[in-house]
Structures are given as C-alpha cells and as structure tokens.
Amino acid sequence: IESLRTNRATSWLVQRSEDRRNADRKTVLLRSNRVCSSNQPYWIVKVGIALGSNLGDRGEYILRAIERLRELHEGVDADFLEASLLETEPVDCESGTPNFLNTVVELESSFAPFAILDFCQQIERDSGRPDVREKNSPRTVDVDMLYVGGIELNTDRLILPHPRMHEREFVMAPLREIGVAE
C-alpha cells in the first residue's frame, strides 16, 4: 500500500462524477493515485469489490484478500461492509468447473480507480493467480472492482461501474445483504 501512497502518476484522467450533495455534475481529477477535485484535496468515495474463489481453500483465499483490502479502507471500521460467503455454481465456465465461494465488500477510499485496480491485481498474484490465463478458468481468488463512487470509466484496463454487475446474482445477492443494492 505504501507504493500506492508514494507513486505519482504522470498523467491526469478527467472523468465526470455526480456530486450527490448538490446533484450537479463536477469534474473529478484522478491525480497522484487519489480522487481529487478543485475545492477539496481528496474525496473519500465508496468502493465496491466482488471476490470469488473456486480452487484450494476457497474461504481462506477470500478471507486473506479481504484482510488485504482493509489496507485501502480509510473510513471508520463500521463503514467497511462485508457480506457473507455464498456458494454458487460457475457462470460462463467449462463443464466440471468447481463451485465458487463469492462475497462482496464495500470500503471507503480516496485512492484513484487504477491504483485500486493495481492493488486488487496484486492480491490475485500474491494468491497464486497467474497473470496470463484462459478466460473464466478456475482461480484461487478473483478480486473485481464493481464501482468507485460515481466515477464512470471505459478503458481497455477498467470499466466502471462493472458492466455485468447487475446480471450476476452472485454479486447482487451479497450487495443486497450489505444494503447497497435493492
């Protein structure tokens, strides 16, 4: 996490984000790995992350990933929301693929989306997930960003909010459990 705090991005990414306090549109600068605006040094935003595992000690992989995600959380402990583990059948996977354990967490952070993405991918690598793999292959842990505040992104590396989030019951059921979705 310290590398996220000290790494300074060379380019700024400008996106539109809804300011819920006054319901108008504001420009958000994703600068130096933090979500910034012109009138505030940093915005703390809610970040939704889905976790899944279908190899090895699935529960242990997910619990370790959740502990690592706590490093990104900048709110009070009560605002780190964690759903129960849910066992689900694989979706869009080859026949015979083991069942998944899934959950979601919501945390509060000022880190920019790409810094969070890099952190999530490091968690996956540290859990033994290879960088190069077949799509929808079994995995020790999958750590997917669902949303970062009201930020909308559409790049080769990251799409926010997650484009298929609402189609996946293994994401929506845990989100409903923690009171984030209806």
C-alpha atoms as a PDB file:
ATOM      1  CA  ILE A   1       0.000   0.000   0.000  1.00  0.00           C
ATOM      2  CA  GLU A   2       2.906   2.345   0.642  1.00  0.00           C
ATOM      3  CA  SER A   3       3.841   2.189  -3.043  1.00  0.00           C
ATOM      4  CA  LEU A   4       0.329   3.427  -3.863  1.00  0.00           C
ATOM      5  CA  ARG A   5       0.814   6.353  -1.500  1.00  0.00           C
ATOM      6  CA  THR A   6       4.164   7.379  -2.990  1.00  0.00           C
ATOM      7  CA  ASN A   7       3.664   6.507  -6.672  1.00  0.00           C
ATOM      8  CA  ARG A   8       2.828   9.639  -8.634  1.00  0.00           C
ATOM      9  CA  ALA A   9       1.021   9.152 -11.915  1.00  0.00           C
ATOM     10  CA  THR A  10       2.357  11.257 -14.767  1.00  0.00           C
ATOM     11  CA  SER A  11      -0.967  11.854 -16.440  1.00  0.00           C
ATOM     12  CA  TRP A  12      -4.300  13.059 -15.202  1.00  0.00           C
ATOM     13  CA  LEU A  13      -7.510  11.357 -16.143  1.00  0.00           C
ATOM     14  CA  VAL A  14     -10.547  13.580 -16.191  1.00  0.00           C
ATOM     15  CA  GLN A  15     -13.934  11.975 -15.711  1.00  0.00           C
ATOM     16  CA  ARG A  16     -17.396  13.174 -14.848  1.00  0.00           C
ATOM     17  CA  SER A  17     -18.848  12.232 -11.477  1.00  0.00           C
ATOM     18  CA  GLU A  18     -22.108  13.165  -9.823  1.00  0.00           C
ATOM     19  CA  ASP A  19     -21.798  15.265  -6.686  1.00  0.00           C
ATOM     20  CA  ARG A  20     -24.640  13.849  -4.588  1.00  0.00           C
ATOM     21  CA  ARG A  21     -24.648  16.819  -2.205  1.00  0.00           C
ATOM     22  CA  ASN A  22     -25.965  19.282  -4.756  1.00  0.00           C
ATOM     23  CA  ALA A  23     -26.920  16.940  -7.634  1.00  0.00           C
ATOM     24  CA  ASP A  24     -24.912  18.797 -10.270  1.00  0.00           C
ATOM     25  CA  ARG A  25     -22.043  17.442 -12.380  1.00  0.00           C
ATOM     26  CA  LYS A  26     -18.455  18.080 -11.285  1.00  0.00           C
ATOM     27  CA  THR A  27     -15.161  17.226 -12.848  1.00  0.00           C
ATOM     28  CA  VAL A  28     -13.104  14.754 -10.889  1.00  0.00           C
ATOM     29  CA  LEU A  29      -9.358  14.640 -11.410  1.00  0.00           C
ATOM     30  CA  LEU A  30      -7.818  11.252 -10.783  1.00  0.00           C
ATOM     31  CA  ARG A  31      -4.391  12.577  -9.897  1.00  0.00           C
ATOM     32  CA  SER A  32      -1.481  11.107  -7.982  1.00  0.00           C
ATOM     33  CA  ASN A  33      -3.497   7.971  -7.203  1.00  0.00           C
ATOM     34  CA  ARG A  34      -6.139   9.967  -5.307  1.00  0.00           C
ATOM     35  CA  VAL A  35      -9.632  11.117  -6.248  1.00  0.00           C
ATOM     36  CA  CYS A  36      -9.390  14.923  -6.175  1.00  0.00           C
ATOM     37  CA  SER A  37     -11.467  17.979  -7.005  1.00  0.00           C
ATOM     38  CA  SER A  38     -10.536  21.607  -7.308  1.00  0.00           C
ATOM     39  CA  ASN A  39     -12.086  22.549  -3.940  1.00  0.00           C
ATOM     40  CA  GLN A  40     -11.034  19.504  -1.858  1.00  0.00           C
ATOM     41  CA  PRO A  41      -7.667  17.812  -1.538  1.00  0.00           C
ATOM     42  CA  TYR A  42      -9.185  14.294  -1.605  1.00  0.00           C
ATOM     43  CA  TRP A  43     -12.611  12.756  -1.876  1.00  0.00           C
ATOM     44  CA  ILE A  44     -13.354   9.658   0.112  1.00  0.00           C
ATOM     45  CA  VAL A  45     -15.668   7.504  -2.003  1.00  0.00           C
ATOM     46  CA  LYS A  46     -17.381   4.172  -1.548  1.00  0.00           C
ATOM     47  CA  VAL A  47     -15.698   1.333  -3.424  1.00  0.00           C
ATOM     48  CA  GLY A  48     -17.487  -1.950  -4.161  1.00  0.00           C
ATOM     49  CA  ILE A  49     -15.392  -5.057  -4.729  1.00  0.00           C
ATOM     50  CA  ALA A  50     -16.530  -8.604  -5.564  1.00  0.00           C
ATOM     51  CA  LEU A  51     -14.461 -11.599  -4.514  1.00  0.00           C
ATOM     52  CA  GLY A  52     -14.662 -15.185  -5.700  1.00  0.00           C
ATOM     53  CA  SER A  53     -12.647 -18.391  -5.406  1.00  0.00           C
ATOM     54  CA  ASN A  54     -13.057 -21.932  -6.720  1.00  0.00           C
ATOM     55  CA  LEU A  55      -9.650 -23.512  -6.111  1.00  0.00           C
ATOM     56  CA  GLY A  56      -7.949 -24.771  -2.971  1.00  0.00           C
ATOM     57  CA  ASP A  57      -9.100 -23.449   0.398  1.00  0.00           C
ATOM     58  CA  ARG A  58     -11.615 -21.046  -1.142  1.00  0.00           C
ATOM     59  CA  GLY A  59     -12.705 -19.467   2.137  1.00  0.00           C
ATOM     60  CA  GLU A  60      -9.128 -18.854   3.262  1.00  0.00           C
ATOM     61  CA  TYR A  61      -8.202 -17.191  -0.051  1.00  0.00           C
ATOM     62  CA  ILE A  62     -11.193 -14.863   0.229  1.00  0.00           C
ATOM     63  CA  LEU A  63     -10.569 -14.031   3.895  1.00  0.00           C
ATOM     64  CA  ARG A  64      -6.912 -13.197   3.165  1.00  0.00           C
ATOM     65  CA  ALA A  65      -7.968 -10.982   0.248  1.00  0.00           C
ATOM     66  CA  ILE A  66     -10.494  -9.161   2.470  1.00  0.00           C
ATOM     67  CA  GLU A  67      -7.792  -8.508   5.066  1.00  0.00           C
ATOM     68  CA  ARG A  68      -5.589  -7.011   2.356  1.00  0.00           C
ATOM     69  CA  LEU A  69      -8.483  -4.845   1.102  1.00  0.00           C
ATOM     70  CA  ARG A  70      -8.791  -3.378   4.601  1.00  0.00           C
ATOM     71  CA  GLU A  71      -5.469  -1.640   3.850  1.00  0.00           C
ATOM     72  CA  LEU A  72      -7.323   0.541   1.302  1.00  0.00           C
ATOM     73  CA  HIS A  73     -10.127   1.421   3.729  1.00  0.00           C
ATOM     74  CA  GLU A  74      -9.865   4.975   5.046  1.00  0.00           C
ATOM     75  CA  GLY A  75     -13.194   5.175   6.853  1.00  0.00           C
ATOM     76  CA  VAL A  76     -14.223   4.008  10.304  1.00  0.00           C
ATOM     77  CA  ASP A  77     -14.323   0.255  10.906  1.00  0.00           C
ATOM     78  CA  ALA A  78     -18.144   0.195  10.862  1.00  0.00           C
ATOM     79  CA  ASP A  79     -18.106   1.505   7.262  1.00  0.00           C
ATOM     80  CA  PHE A  80     -16.152  -1.499   5.965  1.00  0.00           C
ATOM     81  CA  LEU A  81     -19.089  -3.648   4.863  1.00  0.00           C
ATOM     82  CA  GLU A  82     -18.630  -7.357   4.249  1.00  0.00           C
ATOM     83  CA  ALA A  83     -21.266  -9.818   3.013  1.00  0.00           C
ATOM     84  CA  SER A  84     -21.461 -13.479   3.979  1.00  0.00           C
ATOM     85  CA  LEU A  85     -19.796 -16.103   1.828  1.00  0.00           C
ATOM     86  CA  LEU A  86     -22.147 -17.540  -0.779  1.00  0.00           C
ATOM     87  CA  GLU A  87     -21.507 -20.816  -2.630  1.00  0.00           C
ATOM     88  CA  THR A  88     -22.535 -20.591  -6.277  1.00  0.00           C
ATOM     89  CA  GLU A  89     -22.337 -22.638  -9.436  1.00  0.00           C
ATOM     90  CA  PRO A  90     -19.882 -21.377 -12.065  1.00  0.00           C
ATOM     91  CA  VAL A  91     -21.180 -18.915 -14.666  1.00  0.00           C
ATOM     92  CA  ASP A  92     -19.756 -18.940 -18.217  1.00  0.00           C
ATOM     93  CA  CYS A  93     -17.172 -21.620 -17.251  1.00  0.00           C
ATOM     94  CA  GLU A  94     -16.353 -25.004 -18.742  1.00  0.00           C
ATOM     95  CA  SER A  95     -18.335 -28.053 -17.618  1.00  0.00           C
ATOM     96  CA  GLY A  96     -16.888 -29.623 -14.478  1.00  0.00           C
ATOM     97  CA  THR A  97     -15.566 -26.348 -13.085  1.00  0.00           C
ATOM     98  CA  PRO A  98     -15.709 -26.389  -9.252  1.00  0.00           C
ATOM     99  CA  ASN A  99     -18.282 -24.251  -7.422  1.00  0.00           C
ATOM    100  CA  PHE A 100     -17.311 -20.777  -6.281  1.00  0.00           C
ATOM    101  CA  LEU A 101     -17.436 -19.044  -2.948  1.00  0.00           C
ATOM    102  CA  ASN A 102     -18.392 -15.407  -3.525  1.00  0.00           C
ATOM    103  CA  THR A 103     -18.828 -12.275  -1.464  1.00  0.00           C
ATOM    104  CA  VAL A 104     -18.595  -8.511  -1.769  1.00  0.00           C
ATOM    105  CA  VAL A 105     -17.119  -5.759   0.348  1.00  0.00           C
ATOM    106  CA  GLU A 106     -17.684  -2.037   0.343  1.00  0.00           C
ATOM    107  CA  LEU A 107     -14.969   0.210   1.692  1.00  0.00           C
ATOM    108  CA  GLU A 108     -14.180   3.917   1.720  1.00  0.00           C
ATOM    109  CA  SER A 109     -11.065   5.181  -0.002  1.00  0.00           C
ATOM    110  CA  SER A 110      -9.528   8.194  -1.700  1.00  0.00           C
ATOM    111  CA  PHE A 111      -7.350   6.064  -3.973  1.00  0.00           C
ATOM    112  CA  ALA A 112      -7.978   6.503  -7.690  1.00  0.00           C
ATOM    113  CA  PRO A 113      -9.534   3.602  -9.642  1.00  0.00           C
ATOM    114  CA  PHE A 114      -6.316   2.492 -11.355  1.00  0.00           C
ATOM    115  CA  ALA A 115      -4.433   2.437  -8.054  1.00  0.00           C
ATOM    116  CA  ILE A 116      -7.206   0.268  -6.593  1.00  0.00           C
ATOM    117  CA  LEU A 117      -7.124  -1.975  -9.676  1.00  0.00           C
ATOM    118  CA  ASP A 118      -3.355  -2.431  -9.333  1.00  0.00           C
ATOM    119  CA  PHE A 119      -3.794  -3.323  -5.649  1.00  0.00           C
ATOM    120  CA  CYS A 120      -6.559  -5.858  -6.444  1.00  0.00           C
ATOM    121  CA  GLN A 121      -4.448  -7.473  -9.147  1.00  0.00           C
ATOM    122  CA  GLN A 122      -1.515  -7.714  -6.724  1.00  0.00           C
ATOM    123  CA  ILE A 123      -3.764  -9.554  -4.257  1.00  0.00           C
ATOM    124  CA  GLU A 124      -4.629 -12.014  -7.035  1.00  0.00           C
ATOM    125  CA  ARG A 125      -0.966 -12.536  -7.952  1.00  0.00           C
ATOM    126  CA  ASP A 126       0.043 -12.963  -4.290  1.00  0.00           C
ATOM    127  CA  SER A 127      -2.612 -15.702  -4.030  1.00  0.00           C
ATOM    128  CA  GLY A 128      -1.061 -17.621  -6.913  1.00  0.00           C
ATOM    129  CA  ARG A 129      -3.332 -16.487  -9.731  1.00  0.00           C
ATOM    130  CA  PRO A 130      -1.304 -16.262 -12.964  1.00  0.00           C
ATOM    131  CA  ASP A 131      -1.356 -13.039 -14.986  1.00  0.00           C
ATOM    132  CA  VAL A 132      -1.854 -14.973 -18.239  1.00  0.00           C
ATOM    133  CA  ARG A 133      -4.752 -17.421 -18.092  1.00  0.00           C
ATOM    134  CA  GLU A 134      -7.769 -18.600 -20.041  1.00  0.00           C
ATOM    135  CA  LYS A 135     -10.902 -16.517 -19.594  1.00  0.00           C
ATOM    136  CA  ASN A 136     -13.192 -17.897 -16.850  1.00  0.00           C
ATOM    137  CA  SER A 137     -10.651 -20.529 -15.821  1.00  0.00           C
ATOM    138  CA  PRO A 138     -10.629 -21.768 -12.196  1.00  0.00           C
ATOM    139  CA  ARG A 139      -8.903 -19.361  -9.830  1.00  0.00           C
ATOM    140  CA  THR A 140      -7.553 -19.125  -6.322  1.00  0.00           C
ATOM    141  CA  VAL A 141      -9.102 -15.686  -5.939  1.00  0.00           C
ATOM    142  CA  ASP A 142     -10.790 -13.156  -8.192  1.00  0.00           C
ATOM    143  CA  VAL A 143     -10.931  -9.563  -6.934  1.00  0.00           C
ATOM    144  CA  ASP A 144     -13.165  -7.422  -9.206  1.00  0.00           C
ATOM    145  CA  MET A 145     -13.951  -3.746  -8.798  1.00  0.00           C
ATOM    146  CA  LEU A 146     -17.679  -3.043  -9.085  1.00  0.00           C
ATOM    147  CA  TYR A 147     -17.799   0.727  -8.541  1.00  0.00           C
ATOM    148  CA  VAL A 148     -15.741   3.623  -7.234  1.00  0.00           C
ATOM    149  CA  GLY A 149     -18.126   6.355  -6.090  1.00  0.00           C
ATOM    150  CA  GLY A 150     -19.975   7.725  -9.113  1.00  0.00           C
ATOM    151  CA  ILE A 151     -16.931   7.537 -11.380  1.00  0.00           C
ATOM    152  CA  GLU A 152     -17.542   6.228 -14.882  1.00  0.00           C
ATOM    153  CA  LEU A 153     -14.606   4.786 -16.830  1.00  0.00           C
ATOM    154  CA  ASN A 154     -14.391   2.845 -20.060  1.00  0.00           C
ATOM    155  CA  THR A 155     -10.804   1.858 -20.876  1.00  0.00           C
ATOM    156  CA  ASP A 156      -9.036  -1.286 -22.043  1.00  0.00           C
ATOM    157  CA  ARG A 157      -7.959  -1.976 -18.432  1.00  0.00           C
ATOM    158  CA  LEU A 158     -11.039  -0.996 -16.474  1.00  0.00           C
ATOM    159  CA  ILE A 159     -14.744  -0.333 -16.947  1.00  0.00           C
ATOM    160  CA  LEU A 160     -16.660   1.298 -14.094  1.00  0.00           C
ATOM    161  CA  PRO A 161     -19.223   0.614 -12.959  1.00  0.00           C
ATOM    162  CA  HIS A 162     -18.752  -3.089 -13.709  1.00  0.00           C
ATOM    163  CA  PRO A 163     -20.756  -3.664 -16.919  1.00  0.00           C
ATOM    164  CA  ARG A 164     -22.268  -7.049 -15.920  1.00  0.00           C
ATOM    165  CA  MET A 165     -22.681  -6.460 -12.196  1.00  0.00           C
ATOM    166  CA  HIS A 166     -26.497  -6.336 -12.358  1.00  0.00           C
ATOM    167  CA  GLU A 167     -26.661  -9.575 -14.389  1.00  0.00           C
ATOM    168  CA  ARG A 168     -24.814 -11.611 -11.754  1.00  0.00           C
ATOM    169  CA  GLU A 169     -26.809 -12.862  -8.809  1.00  0.00           C
ATOM    170  CA  PHE A 170     -23.576 -13.917  -7.086  1.00  0.00           C
ATOM    171  CA  VAL A 171     -22.753 -10.191  -6.957  1.00  0.00           C
ATOM    172  CA  MET A 172     -26.210  -8.719  -6.428  1.00  0.00           C
ATOM    173  CA  ALA A 173     -27.281 -11.028  -3.556  1.00  0.00           C
ATOM    174  CA  PRO A 174     -24.270 -10.055  -1.399  1.00  0.00           C
ATOM    175  CA  LEU A 175     -24.763  -6.376  -2.318  1.00  0.00           C
ATOM    176  CA  ARG A 176     -28.372  -6.624  -1.141  1.00  0.00           C
ATOM    177  CA  GLU A 177     -27.205  -8.310   2.083  1.00  0.00           C
ATOM    178  CA  ILE A 178     -24.988  -5.338   2.980  1.00  0.00           C
ATOM    179  CA  GLY A 179     -27.709  -2.880   1.981  1.00  0.00           C
ATOM    180  CA  VAL A 180     -26.039  -1.455  -1.104  1.00  0.00           C
ATOM    181  CA  ALA A 181     -28.470  -2.814  -3.738  1.00  0.00           C
ATOM    182  CA  GLU A 182     -32.212  -3.375  -3.776  1.00  0.00           C
END
